[in-house]
Structures are given as structure tokens and as C-alpha cells.
């Protein structure tokens, strides 16, 4: 299975969000610096600034958690899923949008 390394500021908060609210399953945890969650055919490697993945590049640039990269989680009923997530206290960046590709909404990762 392919994986996406996703930099976050708080791995336990990210695990609580992805596993607790979005239906991912915790696969492995490496202390507070890194965890792997899996769901919907995607594996996320969640890593904090203390993880080896966050070491500066040779030119000094550093990775930034939760930038404009997005993880797409496809669900059968987006309206119902949004309602359930709102009831669970998840914050959204925008309202539900409808466009040529279908409906979408951006939820806020609390570990950013």
C-alpha cells in the first residue's frame, strides 16, 4: 500500500481526529512523534516536528505542518458525514460547495 507522510504539530491530536472522527484505524504509534493511521485505502504517516522526517533539508528549508496540501476522504453521503462531524465538534474551513466534480468541504485538522 502507498502512504502519504503528513506533517502535523501534535500527533496524538491528529490520531484522535483521523481515527476518532474520520474512521481511520491506528496501525502503529511511535511515541508522540509519529503514528500511522489507515482508512479508505490510504495510509497516513503522521509526523511531528521532532520526527526524523522533519529534519531540515540540506539547504536549510524546514517542512511546515498542515499547509495547503489536502487529503481527500471520499464518503457515501457527504451531507450526513458533515452533520455527524459538526455534532462531534469538528471545525470546517468553508461551507459545503457543489461544482462540476461533485460536492466538497474542507474540515480543519486540529493538530495543525
C-alpha atoms as a PDB file:
ATOM      1  CA  UNK A   1       0.000   0.000   0.000  1.00  0.00           C
ATOM      2  CA  UNK A   2       1.181   3.511  -0.748  1.00  0.00           C
ATOM      3  CA  UNK A   3       1.376   6.068   2.022  1.00  0.00           C
ATOM      4  CA  UNK A   4       1.380   9.826   2.470  1.00  0.00           C
ATOM      5  CA  UNK A   5       3.662  11.399   5.064  1.00  0.00           C
ATOM      6  CA  UNK A   6       1.702  14.235   6.633  1.00  0.00           C
ATOM      7  CA  UNK A   7       3.436  16.688   8.930  1.00  0.00           C
ATOM      8  CA  UNK A   8       1.394  17.793  11.957  1.00  0.00           C
ATOM      9  CA  UNK A   9       2.153  19.745  15.125  1.00  0.00           C
ATOM     10  CA  UNK A  10       0.509  17.264  17.505  1.00  0.00           C
ATOM     11  CA  UNK A  11       0.462  13.541  16.645  1.00  0.00           C
ATOM     12  CA  UNK A  12      -1.927  12.455  19.456  1.00  0.00           C
ATOM     13  CA  UNK A  13      -4.413  15.157  18.371  1.00  0.00           C
ATOM     14  CA  UNK A  14      -4.057  14.059  14.737  1.00  0.00           C
ATOM     15  CA  UNK A  15      -4.645  10.404  15.669  1.00  0.00           C
ATOM     16  CA  UNK A  16      -7.714  11.391  17.701  1.00  0.00           C
ATOM     17  CA  UNK A  17      -9.042  13.304  14.693  1.00  0.00           C
ATOM     18  CA  UNK A  18      -8.318  10.808  11.910  1.00  0.00           C
ATOM     19  CA  UNK A  19      -9.058   7.639  13.917  1.00  0.00           C
ATOM     20  CA  UNK A  20     -11.689   9.067  16.241  1.00  0.00           C
ATOM     21  CA  UNK A  21     -13.675  11.243  13.851  1.00  0.00           C
ATOM     22  CA  UNK A  22     -12.858  10.225  10.257  1.00  0.00           C
ATOM     23  CA  UNK A  23     -12.905   6.448  10.703  1.00  0.00           C
ATOM     24  CA  UNK A  24      -9.208   5.703  10.189  1.00  0.00           C
ATOM     25  CA  UNK A  25      -7.597   2.921  12.240  1.00  0.00           C
ATOM     26  CA  UNK A  26      -4.387   3.370  14.226  1.00  0.00           C
ATOM     27  CA  UNK A  27      -1.844   0.931  12.752  1.00  0.00           C
ATOM     28  CA  UNK A  28       1.297   1.892  14.669  1.00  0.00           C
ATOM     29  CA  UNK A  29       2.422   4.542  17.117  1.00  0.00           C
ATOM     30  CA  UNK A  30       5.981   5.642  17.811  1.00  0.00           C
ATOM     31  CA  UNK A  31       5.673   7.670  20.984  1.00  0.00           C
ATOM     32  CA  UNK A  32       4.372  11.166  20.410  1.00  0.00           C
ATOM     33  CA  UNK A  33       6.492  11.916  17.348  1.00  0.00           C
ATOM     34  CA  UNK A  34       4.917   9.652  14.735  1.00  0.00           C
ATOM     35  CA  UNK A  35       1.915   7.407  14.114  1.00  0.00           C
ATOM     36  CA  UNK A  36       0.476   5.540  11.158  1.00  0.00           C
ATOM     37  CA  UNK A  37      -3.263   5.502  10.513  1.00  0.00           C
ATOM     38  CA  UNK A  38      -5.108   3.794   7.691  1.00  0.00           C
ATOM     39  CA  UNK A  39      -8.547   4.151   6.198  1.00  0.00           C
ATOM     40  CA  UNK A  40     -10.388   4.309   2.907  1.00  0.00           C
ATOM     41  CA  UNK A  41      -7.460   2.826   1.029  1.00  0.00           C
ATOM     42  CA  UNK A  42      -4.942   5.395   2.267  1.00  0.00           C
ATOM     43  CA  UNK A  43      -2.212   5.130   4.852  1.00  0.00           C
ATOM     44  CA  UNK A  44      -1.104   8.340   6.578  1.00  0.00           C
ATOM     45  CA  UNK A  45       2.238   8.650   8.308  1.00  0.00           C
ATOM     46  CA  UNK A  46       1.576  11.438  10.814  1.00  0.00           C
ATOM     47  CA  UNK A  47       4.825  13.059  11.942  1.00  0.00           C
ATOM     48  CA  UNK A  48       5.578  15.904  14.368  1.00  0.00           C
ATOM     49  CA  UNK A  49       8.441  18.399  14.083  1.00  0.00           C
ATOM     50  CA  UNK A  50      10.525  16.100  16.358  1.00  0.00           C
ATOM     51  CA  UNK A  51      10.270  13.186  13.900  1.00  0.00           C
ATOM     52  CA  UNK A  52      13.207  12.349  11.655  1.00  0.00           C
ATOM     53  CA  UNK A  53      11.061  13.320   8.647  1.00  0.00           C
ATOM     54  CA  UNK A  54      11.091  16.925   9.838  1.00  0.00           C
ATOM     55  CA  UNK A  55      14.847  17.377   9.794  1.00  0.00           C
ATOM     56  CA  UNK A  56      15.902  20.406   7.731  1.00  0.00           C
ATOM     57  CA  UNK A  57      16.842  19.862   4.103  1.00  0.00           C
ATOM     58  CA  UNK A  58      20.496  20.405   3.143  1.00  0.00           C
ATOM     59  CA  UNK A  59      19.663  23.963   2.049  1.00  0.00           C
ATOM     60  CA  UNK A  60      18.131  24.714   5.483  1.00  0.00           C
ATOM     61  CA  UNK A  61      14.448  24.635   4.490  1.00  0.00           C
ATOM     62  CA  UNK A  62      12.102  23.060   7.037  1.00  0.00           C
ATOM     63  CA  UNK A  63       8.833  21.258   6.467  1.00  0.00           C
ATOM     64  CA  UNK A  64       5.719  23.028   7.705  1.00  0.00           C
ATOM     65  CA  UNK A  65       2.780  21.113   9.206  1.00  0.00           C
ATOM     66  CA  UNK A  66      -0.667  21.199   7.595  1.00  0.00           C
ATOM     67  CA  UNK A  67      -0.036  23.551   4.707  1.00  0.00           C
ATOM     68  CA  UNK A  68      -2.230  23.706   1.624  1.00  0.00           C
ATOM     69  CA  UNK A  69      -1.877  20.005   0.905  1.00  0.00           C
ATOM     70  CA  UNK A  70      -5.171  18.205   1.251  1.00  0.00           C
ATOM     71  CA  UNK A  71      -6.155  14.636   1.906  1.00  0.00           C
ATOM     72  CA  UNK A  72      -9.339  13.596   0.137  1.00  0.00           C
ATOM     73  CA  UNK A  73     -11.622  11.270   2.069  1.00  0.00           C
ATOM     74  CA  UNK A  74     -14.481  10.032  -0.101  1.00  0.00           C
ATOM     75  CA  UNK A  75     -17.737   9.220   1.695  1.00  0.00           C
ATOM     76  CA  UNK A  76     -21.082   7.848   0.515  1.00  0.00           C
ATOM     77  CA  UNK A  77     -23.196  10.703   1.944  1.00  0.00           C
ATOM     78  CA  UNK A  78     -21.243  13.934   2.372  1.00  0.00           C
ATOM     79  CA  UNK A  79     -24.138  15.871   3.913  1.00  0.00           C
ATOM     80  CA  UNK A  80     -24.689  13.240   6.605  1.00  0.00           C
ATOM     81  CA  UNK A  81     -20.948  12.975   7.250  1.00  0.00           C
ATOM     82  CA  UNK A  82     -20.630  16.757   7.635  1.00  0.00           C
ATOM     83  CA  UNK A  83     -23.563  16.767  10.065  1.00  0.00           C
ATOM     84  CA  UNK A  84     -22.014  13.988  12.154  1.00  0.00           C
ATOM     85  CA  UNK A  85     -18.621  15.703  12.191  1.00  0.00           C
ATOM     86  CA  UNK A  86     -20.164  19.039  13.171  1.00  0.00           C
ATOM     87  CA  UNK A  87     -22.018  17.300  16.003  1.00  0.00           C
ATOM     88  CA  UNK A  88     -18.662  15.853  17.107  1.00  0.00           C
ATOM     89  CA  UNK A  89     -17.135  19.344  17.252  1.00  0.00           C
ATOM     90  CA  UNK A  90     -15.122  19.305  14.004  1.00  0.00           C
ATOM     91  CA  UNK A  91     -14.463  22.785  12.576  1.00  0.00           C
ATOM     92  CA  UNK A  92     -14.858  23.419   8.854  1.00  0.00           C
ATOM     93  CA  UNK A  93     -12.947  25.969   6.746  1.00  0.00           C
ATOM     94  CA  UNK A  94     -15.891  26.562   4.402  1.00  0.00           C
ATOM     95  CA  UNK A  95     -19.491  25.599   3.663  1.00  0.00           C
ATOM     96  CA  UNK A  96     -20.380  22.623   1.509  1.00  0.00           C
ATOM     97  CA  UNK A  97     -19.548  23.508  -2.112  1.00  0.00           C
ATOM     98  CA  UNK A  98     -21.070  21.983  -5.236  1.00  0.00           C
ATOM     99  CA  UNK A  99     -19.170  22.060  -8.509  1.00  0.00           C
ATOM    100  CA  UNK A 100     -18.528  20.096 -11.690  1.00  0.00           C
ATOM    101  CA  UNK A 101     -16.599  17.421  -9.776  1.00  0.00           C
ATOM    102  CA  UNK A 102     -19.266  16.974  -7.124  1.00  0.00           C
ATOM    103  CA  UNK A 103     -19.584  18.264  -3.580  1.00  0.00           C
ATOM    104  CA  UNK A 104     -16.740  19.088  -1.216  1.00  0.00           C
ATOM    105  CA  UNK A 105     -15.943  20.735   2.079  1.00  0.00           C
ATOM    106  CA  UNK A 106     -12.708  21.331   3.985  1.00  0.00           C
ATOM    107  CA  UNK A 107     -12.506  20.325   7.632  1.00  0.00           C
ATOM    108  CA  UNK A 108      -9.875  21.730   9.934  1.00  0.00           C
ATOM    109  CA  UNK A 109      -7.185  19.343  11.162  1.00  0.00           C
ATOM    110  CA  UNK A 110      -6.964  20.146  14.900  1.00  0.00           C
ATOM    111  CA  UNK A 111      -3.307  19.108  15.028  1.00  0.00           C
ATOM    112  CA  UNK A 112      -2.159  21.949  12.780  1.00  0.00           C
END
